[in-house]
Amino acid sequence: MEFEFSSHAQEMLKERHISEDWVWNTLSAPDTQKMGADNNSHYFKSIEKNEGRVLHVVVNSRVSPKRVVTVFFDRKAGR
């Protein structure tokens, strides 16, 4: 899989203390994946090393390489 991080996503990794490894794990083996109304792919994965919180990774799949738009722990997603 080829992905690049947007500058916003890179900032969010630092600001929100999200490991890049967690993002790669979410992209390679998501618990759930769906297409959003925004036409972006949304990947979800429970991160055991962070109390099982659900990491939400938003990817623009219409560009090459695919671009990680943003990452955050999703409070609305079930644990």
N, C-alpha and C. Protein backbone atom coordinates (compact mmCIF):
# COMPACT_ATOMS: atom_id res chain seq x y z
N MET A 1 0.84 -1.19 0.00
CA MET A 1 0.00 0.00 0.00
C MET A 1 0.88 1.24 0.00
N GLU A 2 0.55 2.16 -0.86
CA GLU A 2 1.28 3.42 -0.88
C GLU A 2 0.39 4.53 -0.36
N PHE A 3 0.87 5.16 0.70
CA PHE A 3 0.15 6.28 1.32
C PHE A 3 1.15 7.38 1.62
N GLU A 4 0.66 8.60 1.64
CA GLU A 4 1.44 9.72 2.14
C GLU A 4 0.58 10.45 3.16
N PHE A 5 1.23 11.16 4.06
CA PHE A 5 0.52 11.91 5.09
C PHE A 5 0.42 13.37 4.66
N SER A 6 -0.77 13.93 4.75
CA SER A 6 -0.92 15.38 4.52
C SER A 6 -0.21 16.10 5.65
N SER A 7 0.07 17.36 5.45
CA SER A 7 0.71 18.14 6.52
C SER A 7 -0.21 18.20 7.74
N HIS A 8 -1.52 18.28 7.50
CA HIS A 8 -2.47 18.29 8.61
C HIS A 8 -2.38 16.99 9.41
N ALA A 9 -2.35 15.85 8.71
CA ALA A 9 -2.27 14.56 9.39
C ALA A 9 -0.98 14.46 10.20
N GLN A 10 0.13 14.94 9.66
CA GLN A 10 1.40 14.92 10.39
C GLN A 10 1.31 15.75 11.67
N GLU A 11 0.66 16.89 11.58
CA GLU A 11 0.49 17.75 12.76
C GLU A 11 -0.39 17.04 13.80
N MET A 12 -1.45 16.37 13.34
CA MET A 12 -2.36 15.69 14.26
C MET A 12 -1.66 14.52 14.98
N LEU A 13 -0.76 13.82 14.30
CA LEU A 13 0.00 12.75 14.94
C LEU A 13 0.74 13.30 16.15
N LYS A 14 1.40 14.42 15.97
CA LYS A 14 2.18 15.04 17.06
C LYS A 14 1.27 15.59 18.15
N GLU A 15 0.28 16.38 17.72
CA GLU A 15 -0.60 17.06 18.67
C GLU A 15 -1.41 16.09 19.52
N ARG A 16 -1.84 14.99 18.91
CA ARG A 16 -2.71 14.04 19.59
C ARG A 16 -1.97 12.82 20.12
N HIS A 17 -0.64 12.84 20.00
CA HIS A 17 0.22 11.75 20.50
C HIS A 17 -0.21 10.40 19.94
N ILE A 18 -0.36 10.37 18.61
CA ILE A 18 -0.76 9.14 17.92
C ILE A 18 0.47 8.56 17.23
N SER A 19 0.73 7.31 17.49
CA SER A 19 1.88 6.63 16.90
C SER A 19 1.62 6.38 15.42
N GLU A 20 2.63 6.61 14.60
CA GLU A 20 2.52 6.32 13.17
C GLU A 20 2.29 4.82 12.95
N ASP A 21 2.87 4.00 13.83
CA ASP A 21 2.65 2.55 13.74
C ASP A 21 1.18 2.21 13.89
N TRP A 22 0.47 2.91 14.78
CA TRP A 22 -0.95 2.67 14.96
C TRP A 22 -1.71 2.98 13.67
N VAL A 23 -1.29 4.04 12.97
CA VAL A 23 -1.94 4.41 11.71
C VAL A 23 -1.70 3.31 10.68
N TRP A 24 -0.45 2.85 10.55
CA TRP A 24 -0.14 1.80 9.57
C TRP A 24 -0.90 0.52 9.89
N ASN A 25 -1.01 0.18 11.17
CA ASN A 25 -1.78 -1.01 11.56
C ASN A 25 -3.25 -0.86 11.21
N THR A 26 -3.77 0.33 11.39
CA THR A 26 -5.18 0.60 11.07
C THR A 26 -5.42 0.49 9.57
N LEU A 27 -4.49 1.00 8.78
CA LEU A 27 -4.64 0.94 7.33
C LEU A 27 -4.49 -0.48 6.79
N SER A 28 -3.60 -1.25 7.39
CA SER A 28 -3.34 -2.60 6.86
C SER A 28 -4.33 -3.64 7.37
N ALA A 29 -4.90 -3.43 8.57
CA ALA A 29 -5.83 -4.41 9.14
C ALA A 29 -6.91 -3.69 9.96
N PRO A 30 -7.77 -2.92 9.30
CA PRO A 30 -8.81 -2.19 10.04
C PRO A 30 -9.85 -3.12 10.64
N ASP A 31 -10.44 -2.71 11.76
CA ASP A 31 -11.59 -3.43 12.31
C ASP A 31 -12.80 -3.19 11.40
N THR A 32 -12.89 -1.95 10.91
CA THR A 32 -13.98 -1.55 10.02
C THR A 32 -13.44 -0.55 9.02
N GLN A 33 -14.00 -0.59 7.81
CA GLN A 33 -13.65 0.37 6.78
C GLN A 33 -14.92 0.72 6.04
N LYS A 34 -15.11 2.02 5.74
CA LYS A 34 -16.29 2.41 4.98
C LYS A 34 -16.00 3.66 4.16
N MET A 35 -16.81 3.86 3.13
CA MET A 35 -16.71 5.05 2.30
C MET A 35 -17.62 6.10 2.92
N GLY A 36 -17.09 7.27 3.15
CA GLY A 36 -17.87 8.33 3.77
C GLY A 36 -18.61 9.16 2.74
N ALA A 37 -19.54 9.96 3.22
CA ALA A 37 -20.29 10.87 2.35
C ALA A 37 -19.35 11.88 1.69
N ASP A 38 -18.16 12.05 2.28
CA ASP A 38 -17.16 12.97 1.75
C ASP A 38 -16.31 12.34 0.64
N ASN A 39 -16.66 11.10 0.24
CA ASN A 39 -15.92 10.33 -0.76
C ASN A 39 -14.52 9.96 -0.32
N ASN A 40 -14.26 10.00 0.97
CA ASN A 40 -13.00 9.53 1.53
C ASN A 40 -13.21 8.17 2.17
N SER A 41 -12.15 7.38 2.22
CA SER A 41 -12.20 6.09 2.90
C SER A 41 -11.93 6.32 4.38
N HIS A 42 -12.74 5.70 5.24
CA HIS A 42 -12.61 5.85 6.69
C HIS A 42 -12.25 4.48 7.27
N TYR A 43 -11.11 4.43 7.96
CA TYR A 43 -10.62 3.20 8.57
C TYR A 43 -10.72 3.34 10.09
N PHE A 44 -11.15 2.28 10.77
CA PHE A 44 -11.31 2.28 12.21
C PHE A 44 -10.62 1.07 12.81
N LYS A 45 -9.92 1.29 13.93
CA LYS A 45 -9.29 0.18 14.63
C LYS A 45 -9.17 0.50 16.11
N SER A 46 -9.52 -0.47 16.93
CA SER A 46 -9.36 -0.34 18.37
C SER A 46 -7.88 -0.51 18.70
N ILE A 47 -7.33 0.43 19.44
CA ILE A 47 -5.91 0.41 19.80
C ILE A 47 -5.77 -0.03 21.25
N GLU A 48 -5.41 -1.28 21.43
CA GLU A 48 -5.31 -1.85 22.78
C GLU A 48 -4.30 -1.09 23.64
N LYS A 49 -3.21 -0.63 23.04
CA LYS A 49 -2.17 0.09 23.80
C LYS A 49 -2.63 1.47 24.23
N ASN A 50 -3.82 1.87 23.80
CA ASN A 50 -4.39 3.15 24.21
C ASN A 50 -5.81 2.93 24.75
N GLU A 51 -5.90 1.99 25.70
CA GLU A 51 -7.15 1.70 26.41
C GLU A 51 -8.29 1.27 25.49
N GLY A 52 -7.96 0.71 24.32
CA GLY A 52 -8.98 0.24 23.41
C GLY A 52 -9.71 1.33 22.66
N ARG A 53 -9.22 2.56 22.76
CA ARG A 53 -9.87 3.65 22.03
C ARG A 53 -9.77 3.39 20.54
N VAL A 54 -10.77 3.87 19.79
CA VAL A 54 -10.85 3.59 18.36
C VAL A 54 -10.17 4.71 17.57
N LEU A 55 -9.14 4.29 16.81
CA LEU A 55 -8.44 5.23 15.93
C LEU A 55 -9.21 5.33 14.62
N HIS A 56 -9.42 6.55 14.18
CA HIS A 56 -10.16 6.84 12.94
C HIS A 56 -9.16 7.50 11.99
N VAL A 57 -8.92 6.86 10.85
CA VAL A 57 -7.99 7.37 9.85
C VAL A 57 -8.79 7.67 8.58
N VAL A 58 -8.71 8.90 8.11
CA VAL A 58 -9.44 9.33 6.92
C VAL A 58 -8.44 9.44 5.77
N VAL A 59 -8.77 8.76 4.65
CA VAL A 59 -7.85 8.68 3.51
C VAL A 59 -8.55 9.14 2.23
N ASN A 60 -7.88 10.02 1.49
CA ASN A 60 -8.33 10.38 0.16
C ASN A 60 -7.75 9.33 -0.79
N SER A 61 -8.62 8.45 -1.29
CA SER A 61 -8.18 7.36 -2.15
C SER A 61 -8.21 7.73 -3.63
N ARG A 62 -8.62 8.94 -3.93
CA ARG A 62 -8.76 9.35 -5.32
C ARG A 62 -7.47 9.93 -5.89
N VAL A 63 -6.44 10.04 -5.06
CA VAL A 63 -5.15 10.56 -5.52
C VAL A 63 -4.11 9.44 -5.42
N SER A 64 -3.00 9.63 -6.10
CA SER A 64 -1.92 8.64 -6.04
C SER A 64 -0.62 9.34 -5.69
N PRO A 65 0.05 8.92 -4.62
CA PRO A 65 -0.39 7.88 -3.69
C PRO A 65 -1.58 8.36 -2.85
N LYS A 66 -2.26 7.38 -2.25
CA LYS A 66 -3.39 7.71 -1.38
C LYS A 66 -2.89 8.62 -0.26
N ARG A 67 -3.74 9.59 0.14
CA ARG A 67 -3.31 10.59 1.13
C ARG A 67 -4.09 10.45 2.42
N VAL A 68 -3.36 10.28 3.52
CA VAL A 68 -3.97 10.30 4.85
C VAL A 68 -4.30 11.75 5.14
N VAL A 69 -5.59 12.04 5.28
CA VAL A 69 -6.06 13.41 5.44
C VAL A 69 -6.00 13.83 6.90
N THR A 70 -6.49 12.96 7.80
CA THR A 70 -6.47 13.26 9.23
C THR A 70 -6.56 11.96 10.02
N VAL A 71 -6.18 12.04 11.28
CA VAL A 71 -6.26 10.91 12.20
C VAL A 71 -6.71 11.43 13.56
N PHE A 72 -7.57 10.64 14.23
CA PHE A 72 -8.01 11.04 15.57
C PHE A 72 -8.64 9.85 16.26
N PHE A 73 -8.72 9.94 17.59
CA PHE A 73 -9.43 8.93 18.34
C PHE A 73 -10.89 9.33 18.36
N ASP A 74 -11.73 8.44 17.87
CA ASP A 74 -13.14 8.72 17.63
C ASP A 74 -13.97 8.37 18.85
N ARG A 75 -14.46 9.37 19.54
CA ARG A 75 -15.26 9.16 20.74
C ARG A 75 -16.62 8.55 20.42
N LYS A 76 -17.09 8.75 19.19
CA LYS A 76 -18.41 8.24 18.79
C LYS A 76 -18.36 6.77 18.39
N ALA A 77 -17.17 6.29 18.04
CA ALA A 77 -17.04 4.88 17.62
C ALA A 77 -17.03 3.99 18.87
N GLY A 78 -17.73 2.87 18.79
CA GLY A 78 -17.80 1.96 19.94
C GLY A 78 -16.48 1.28 20.21
N ARG A 79 -16.27 0.96 21.46
CA ARG A 79 -15.04 0.26 21.85
C ARG A 79 -15.19 -1.20 21.67
